[in-house]
C-alpha cells in the first residue's frame, strides 16, 4: 500500500489550494482506510479557504 497521499491544502486564510504530498496516517481502533478516487468542493470548503471562520488552524485540508 502507498505510504503517501496527495492532498489539496490551504496554507493560510485567503490562500490558494495547493497539491502536496502527505504521509498517510494509520487507522485507529474502529477505523478503516479507503481510497478516494474523486471529491468535490462545497461552499463551506470555500468559506474555509477564504478565511471566513476565525480560529481554524492552517495548513488545512478541507473536506
PDB file of N, CA and C in Angstrom:
ATOM      1  N   UNK A   1       0.832  -1.193   0.000  1.00  0.00           N
ATOM      2  CA  UNK A   1       0.000   0.000   0.000  1.00  0.00           C
ATOM      3  C   UNK A   1       0.871   1.248   0.000  1.00  0.00           C
ATOM      4  N   UNK A   2       0.318   2.307  -0.554  1.00  0.00           N
ATOM      5  CA  UNK A   2       1.039   3.582  -0.606  1.00  0.00           C
ATOM      6  C   UNK A   2       1.278   4.124   0.800  1.00  0.00           C
ATOM      7  N   UNK A   3       2.351   4.853   0.956  1.00  0.00           N
ATOM      8  CA  UNK A   3       2.683   5.459   2.247  1.00  0.00           C
ATOM      9  C   UNK A   3       2.381   6.956   2.263  1.00  0.00           C
ATOM     10  N   UNK A   4       2.187   7.534   1.059  1.00  0.00           N
ATOM     11  CA  UNK A   4       1.857   8.954   0.980  1.00  0.00           C
ATOM     12  C   UNK A   4       0.608   9.156   0.140  1.00  0.00           C
ATOM     13  N   UNK A   5       0.026  10.342   0.285  1.00  0.00           N
ATOM     14  CA  UNK A   5      -1.160  10.709  -0.482  1.00  0.00           C
ATOM     15  C   UNK A   5      -0.999  12.154  -0.940  1.00  0.00           C
ATOM     16  N   UNK A   6      -1.681  12.499  -2.025  1.00  0.00           N
ATOM     17  CA  UNK A   6      -1.714  13.888  -2.474  1.00  0.00           C
ATOM     18  C   UNK A   6      -2.977  14.523  -1.921  1.00  0.00           C
ATOM     19  N   UNK A   7      -2.819  15.692  -1.326  1.00  0.00           N
ATOM     20  CA  UNK A   7      -3.964  16.408  -0.764  1.00  0.00           C
ATOM     21  C   UNK A   7      -3.967  17.835  -1.299  1.00  0.00           C
ATOM     22  N   UNK A   8      -5.150  18.426  -1.378  1.00  0.00           N
ATOM     23  CA  UNK A   8      -5.288  19.845  -1.699  1.00  0.00           C
ATOM     24  C   UNK A   8      -5.403  20.574  -0.374  1.00  0.00           C
ATOM     25  N   UNK A   9      -4.371  21.317  -0.019  1.00  0.00           N
ATOM     26  CA  UNK A   9      -4.376  22.006   1.268  1.00  0.00           C
ATOM     27  C   UNK A   9      -4.397  23.513   1.055  1.00  0.00           C
ATOM     28  N   UNK A  10      -4.806  24.209   2.098  1.00  0.00           N
ATOM     29  CA  UNK A  10      -4.785  25.665   2.138  1.00  0.00           C
ATOM     30  C   UNK A  10      -3.771  26.033   3.214  1.00  0.00           C
ATOM     31  N   UNK A  11      -2.749  26.811   2.866  1.00  0.00           N
ATOM     32  CA  UNK A  11      -1.676  27.130   3.809  1.00  0.00           C
ATOM     33  C   UNK A  11      -2.018  28.271   4.754  1.00  0.00           C
ATOM     34  N   UNK A  12      -2.914  29.167   4.319  1.00  0.00           N
ATOM     35  CA  UNK A  12      -3.282  30.314   5.148  1.00  0.00           C
ATOM     36  C   UNK A  12      -4.657  30.807   4.728  1.00  0.00           C
ATOM     37  N   UNK A  13      -5.368  31.494   5.613  1.00  0.00           N
ATOM     38  CA  UNK A  13      -6.670  32.047   5.233  1.00  0.00           C
ATOM     39  C   UNK A  13      -6.514  32.945   4.001  1.00  0.00           C
ATOM     40  N   UNK A  14      -7.377  32.745   3.020  1.00  0.00           N
ATOM     41  CA  UNK A  14      -7.312  33.518   1.785  1.00  0.00           C
ATOM     42  C   UNK A  14      -6.327  32.968   0.776  1.00  0.00           C
ATOM     43  N   UNK A  15      -5.590  31.915   1.143  1.00  0.00           N
ATOM     44  CA  UNK A  15      -4.606  31.323   0.237  1.00  0.00           C
ATOM     45  C   UNK A  15      -5.258  30.432  -0.806  1.00  0.00           C
ATOM     46  N   UNK A  16      -4.476  30.038  -1.780  1.00  0.00           N
ATOM     47  CA  UNK A  16      -4.960  29.144  -2.828  1.00  0.00           C
ATOM     48  C   UNK A  16      -4.836  27.691  -2.387  1.00  0.00           C
ATOM     49  N   UNK A  17      -5.631  26.818  -3.008  1.00  0.00           N
ATOM     50  CA  UNK A  17      -5.450  25.384  -2.826  1.00  0.00           C
ATOM     51  C   UNK A  17      -4.123  25.007  -3.469  1.00  0.00           C
ATOM     52  N   UNK A  18      -3.361  24.108  -2.833  1.00  0.00           N
ATOM     53  CA  UNK A  18      -2.122  23.616  -3.414  1.00  0.00           C
ATOM     54  C   UNK A  18      -2.037  22.116  -3.190  1.00  0.00           C
ATOM     55  N   UNK A  19      -1.554  21.399  -4.196  1.00  0.00           N
ATOM     56  CA  UNK A  19      -1.382  19.952  -4.072  1.00  0.00           C
ATOM     57  C   UNK A  19      -0.056  19.661  -3.395  1.00  0.00           C
ATOM     58  N   UNK A  20      -0.112  18.876  -2.308  1.00  0.00           N
ATOM     59  CA  UNK A  20       1.096  18.498  -1.575  1.00  0.00           C
ATOM     60  C   UNK A  20       1.027  17.015  -1.234  1.00  0.00           C
ATOM     61  N   UNK A  21       2.184  16.416  -0.992  1.00  0.00           N
ATOM     62  CA  UNK A  21       2.266  15.021  -0.546  1.00  0.00           C
ATOM     63  C   UNK A  21       2.265  15.000   0.972  1.00  0.00           C
ATOM     64  N   UNK A  22       1.474  14.111   1.543  1.00  0.00           N
ATOM     65  CA  UNK A  22       1.444  13.921   2.994  1.00  0.00           C
ATOM     66  C   UNK A  22       1.517  12.433   3.298  1.00  0.00           C
ATOM     67  N   UNK A  23       2.061  12.121   4.462  1.00  0.00           N
ATOM     68  CA  UNK A  23       2.086  10.734   4.923  1.00  0.00           C
ATOM     69  C   UNK A  23       0.659  10.304   5.253  1.00  0.00           C
ATOM     70  N   UNK A  24       0.329   9.075   4.910  1.00  0.00           N
ATOM     71  CA  UNK A  24      -0.998   8.539   5.211  1.00  0.00           C
ATOM     72  C   UNK A  24      -1.011   8.058   6.657  1.00  0.00           C
ATOM     73  N   UNK A  25      -1.896   8.617   7.493  1.00  0.00           N
ATOM     74  CA  UNK A  25      -1.951   8.157   8.885  1.00  0.00           C
ATOM     75  C   UNK A  25      -2.511   6.736   8.975  1.00  0.00           C
ATOM     76  N   UNK A  26      -2.067   5.990   9.950  1.00  0.00           N
ATOM     77  CA  UNK A  26      -2.586   4.641  10.176  1.00  0.00           C
ATOM     78  C   UNK A  26      -3.964   4.731  10.819  1.00  0.00           C
ATOM     79  N   UNK A  27      -4.911   3.899  10.386  1.00  0.00           N
ATOM     80  CA  UNK A  27      -6.231   3.902  11.020  1.00  0.00           C
ATOM     81  C   UNK A  27      -6.137   3.476  12.482  1.00  0.00           C
ATOM     82  N   UNK A  28      -6.948   4.079  13.301  1.00  0.00           N
ATOM     83  CA  UNK A  28      -7.024   3.710  14.706  1.00  0.00           C
ATOM     84  C   UNK A  28      -8.070   2.630  14.923  1.00  0.00           C
ATOM     85  N   UNK A  29      -8.310   2.299  16.169  1.00  0.00           N
ATOM     86  CA  UNK A  29      -9.313   1.284  16.514  1.00  0.00           C
ATOM     87  C   UNK A  29     -10.682   1.716  15.996  1.00  0.00           C
ATOM     88  N   UNK A  30     -11.368   0.808  15.310  1.00  0.00           N
ATOM     89  CA  UNK A  30     -12.703   1.085  14.793  1.00  0.00           C
ATOM     90  C   UNK A  30     -12.716   1.924  13.526  1.00  0.00           C
ATOM     91  N   UNK A  31     -11.546   2.184  12.925  1.00  0.00           N
ATOM     92  CA  UNK A  31     -11.455   2.967  11.697  1.00  0.00           C
ATOM     93  C   UNK A  31     -10.999   2.081  10.544  1.00  0.00           C
ATOM     94  N   UNK A  32     -11.279   2.516   9.323  1.00  0.00           N
ATOM     95  CA  UNK A  32     -10.819   1.816   8.122  1.00  0.00           C
ATOM     96  C   UNK A  32     -10.153   2.831   7.199  1.00  0.00           C
ATOM     97  N   UNK A  33      -9.351   2.336   6.287  1.00  0.00           N
ATOM     98  CA  UNK A  33      -8.696   3.176   5.284  1.00  0.00           C
ATOM     99  C   UNK A  33      -9.383   2.934   3.953  1.00  0.00           C
ATOM    100  N   UNK A  34      -9.757   4.002   3.256  1.00  0.00           N
ATOM    101  CA  UNK A  34     -10.399   3.887   1.946  1.00  0.00           C
ATOM    102  C   UNK A  34      -9.605   4.698   0.928  1.00  0.00           C
ATOM    103  N   UNK A  35      -9.661   4.280  -0.317  1.00  0.00           N
ATOM    104  CA  UNK A  35      -9.002   5.014  -1.390  1.00  0.00           C
ATOM    105  C   UNK A  35     -10.033   5.932  -2.040  1.00  0.00           C
ATOM    106  N   UNK A  36      -9.747   7.215  -2.056  1.00  0.00           N
ATOM    107  CA  UNK A  36     -10.651   8.199  -2.650  1.00  0.00           C
ATOM    108  C   UNK A  36     -10.234   8.414  -4.099  1.00  0.00           C
ATOM    109  N   UNK A  37     -11.159   8.251  -5.013  1.00  0.00           N
ATOM    110  CA  UNK A  37     -10.886   8.435  -6.436  1.00  0.00           C
ATOM    111  C   UNK A  37     -11.168   9.864  -6.888  1.00  0.00           C
ATOM    112  N   UNK A  38     -12.135  10.516  -6.265  1.00  0.00           N
ATOM    113  CA  UNK A  38     -12.504  11.880  -6.652  1.00  0.00           C
ATOM    114  C   UNK A  38     -13.247  12.537  -5.497  1.00  0.00           C
ATOM    115  N   UNK A  39     -13.247  13.846  -5.498  1.00  0.00           N
ATOM    116  CA  UNK A  39     -14.006  14.578  -4.485  1.00  0.00           C
ATOM    117  C   UNK A  39     -14.434  15.916  -5.063  1.00  0.00           C
ATOM    118  N   UNK A  40     -15.297  16.601  -4.356  1.00  0.00           N
ATOM    119  CA  UNK A  40     -15.764  17.911  -4.785  1.00  0.00           C
ATOM    120  C   UNK A  40     -15.440  18.956  -3.736  1.00  0.00           C
ATOM    121  N   UNK A  41     -15.694  20.189  -4.081  1.00  0.00           N
ATOM    122  CA  UNK A  41     -15.502  21.307  -3.161  1.00  0.00           C
ATOM    123  C   UNK A  41     -16.865  21.931  -2.918  1.00  0.00           C
ATOM    124  N   UNK A  42     -17.263  22.003  -1.648  1.00  0.00           N
ATOM    125  CA  UNK A  42     -18.566  22.577  -1.317  1.00  0.00           C
ATOM    126  C   UNK A  42     -18.389  24.006  -0.796  1.00  0.00           C
ATOM    127  N   UNK A  43     -19.495  24.671  -0.568  1.00  0.00           N
ATOM    128  CA  UNK A  43     -19.480  26.069  -0.141  1.00  0.00           C
ATOM    129  C   UNK A  43     -18.702  26.261   1.158  1.00  0.00           C
ATOM    130  N   UNK A  44     -18.859  25.357   2.115  1.00  0.00           N
ATOM    131  CA  UNK A  44     -18.137  25.516   3.385  1.00  0.00           C
ATOM    132  C   UNK A  44     -16.625  25.391   3.180  1.00  0.00           C
ATOM    133  N   UNK A  45     -16.179  24.574   2.214  1.00  0.00           N
ATOM    134  CA  UNK A  45     -14.748  24.492   1.900  1.00  0.00           C
ATOM    135  C   UNK A  45     -14.239  25.836   1.373  1.00  0.00           C
ATOM    136  N   UNK A  46     -15.036  26.488   0.542  1.00  0.00           N
ATOM    137  CA  UNK A  46     -14.660  27.799   0.008  1.00  0.00           C
ATOM    138  C   UNK A  46     -14.600  28.825   1.133  1.00  0.00           C
ATOM    139  N   UNK A  47     -15.525  28.748   2.075  1.00  0.00           N
ATOM    140  CA  UNK A  47     -15.524  29.670   3.213  1.00  0.00           C
ATOM    141  C   UNK A  47     -14.258  29.485   4.056  1.00  0.00           C
ATOM    142  N   UNK A  48     -13.838  28.232   4.263  1.00  0.00           N
ATOM    143  CA  UNK A  48     -12.595  27.961   4.992  1.00  0.00           C
ATOM    144  C   UNK A  48     -11.415  28.541   4.212  1.00  0.00           C
ATOM    145  N   UNK A  49     -11.399  28.329   2.901  1.00  0.00           N
ATOM    146  CA  UNK A  49     -10.328  28.865   2.058  1.00  0.00           C
ATOM    147  C   UNK A  49     -10.256  30.377   2.170  1.00  0.00           C
ATOM    148  N   UNK A  50     -11.404  31.027   2.191  1.00  0.00           N
ATOM    149  CA  UNK A  50     -11.457  32.492   2.240  1.00  0.00           C
ATOM    150  C   UNK A  50     -11.183  33.057   3.630  1.00  0.00           C
ATOM    151  N   UNK A  51     -11.056  32.176   4.638  1.00  0.00           N
ATOM    152  CA  UNK A  51     -10.768  32.645   5.990  1.00  0.00           C
ATOM    153  C   UNK A  51     -11.980  33.195   6.716  1.00  0.00           C
ATOM    154  N   UNK A  52     -13.182  32.746   6.331  1.00  0.00           N
ATOM    155  CA  UNK A  52     -14.419  33.274   6.908  1.00  0.00           C
ATOM    156  C   UNK A  52     -14.663  32.799   8.339  1.00  0.00           C
ATOM    157  N   UNK A  53     -14.011  31.719   8.767  1.00  0.00           N
ATOM    158  CA  UNK A  53     -14.199  31.204  10.120  1.00  0.00           C
ATOM    159  C   UNK A  53     -12.918  31.388  10.913  1.00  0.00           C
ATOM    160  N   UNK A  54     -12.885  32.372  11.809  1.00  0.00           N
ATOM    161  CA  UNK A  54     -11.671  32.591  12.603  1.00  0.00           C
ATOM    162  C   UNK A  54     -11.411  31.430  13.565  1.00  0.00           C
ATOM    163  N   UNK A  55     -10.156  31.274  13.937  1.00  0.00           N
ATOM    164  CA  UNK A  55      -9.792  30.258  14.919  1.00  0.00           C
ATOM    165  C   UNK A  55      -9.404  28.916  14.338  1.00  0.00           C
ATOM    166  N   UNK A  56      -9.513  28.734  13.018  1.00  0.00           N
ATOM    167  CA  UNK A  56      -9.104  27.466  12.410  1.00  0.00           C
ATOM    168  C   UNK A  56      -7.589  27.433  12.272  1.00  0.00           C
ATOM    169  N   UNK A  57      -7.027  26.240  12.358  1.00  0.00           N
ATOM    170  CA  UNK A  57      -5.580  26.080  12.228  1.00  0.00           C
ATOM    171  C   UNK A  57      -5.226  25.768  10.775  1.00  0.00           C
ATOM    172  N   UNK A  58      -4.149  26.349  10.314  1.00  0.00           N
ATOM    173  CA  UNK A  58      -3.647  26.136   8.960  1.00  0.00           C
ATOM    174  C   UNK A  58      -2.212  25.640   9.053  1.00  0.00           C
ATOM    175  N   UNK A  59      -1.712  24.853   8.077  1.00  0.00           N
ATOM    176  CA  UNK A  59      -2.384  24.441   6.855  1.00  0.00           C
ATOM    177  C   UNK A  59      -3.563  23.523   7.149  1.00  0.00           C
ATOM    178  N   UNK A  60      -4.518  23.526   6.241  1.00  0.00           N
ATOM    179  CA  UNK A  60      -5.772  22.812   6.441  1.00  0.00           C
ATOM    180  C   UNK A  60      -6.142  22.075   5.160  1.00  0.00           C
ATOM    181  N   UNK A  61      -6.621  20.857   5.314  1.00  0.00           N
ATOM    182  CA  UNK A  61      -7.148  20.072   4.195  1.00  0.00           C
ATOM    183  C   UNK A  61      -8.657  20.038   4.373  1.00  0.00           C
ATOM    184  N   UNK A  62      -9.402  20.758   3.530  1.00  0.00           N
ATOM    185  CA  UNK A  62     -10.858  20.775   3.693  1.00  0.00           C
ATOM    186  C   UNK A  62     -11.474  19.425   3.363  1.00  0.00           C
ATOM    187  N   UNK A  63     -12.707  19.264   3.824  1.00  0.00           N
ATOM    188  CA  UNK A  63     -13.424  18.045   3.467  1.00  0.00           C
ATOM    189  C   UNK A  63     -13.881  17.217   4.592  1.00  0.00           C
TER     190      UNK A  63
END
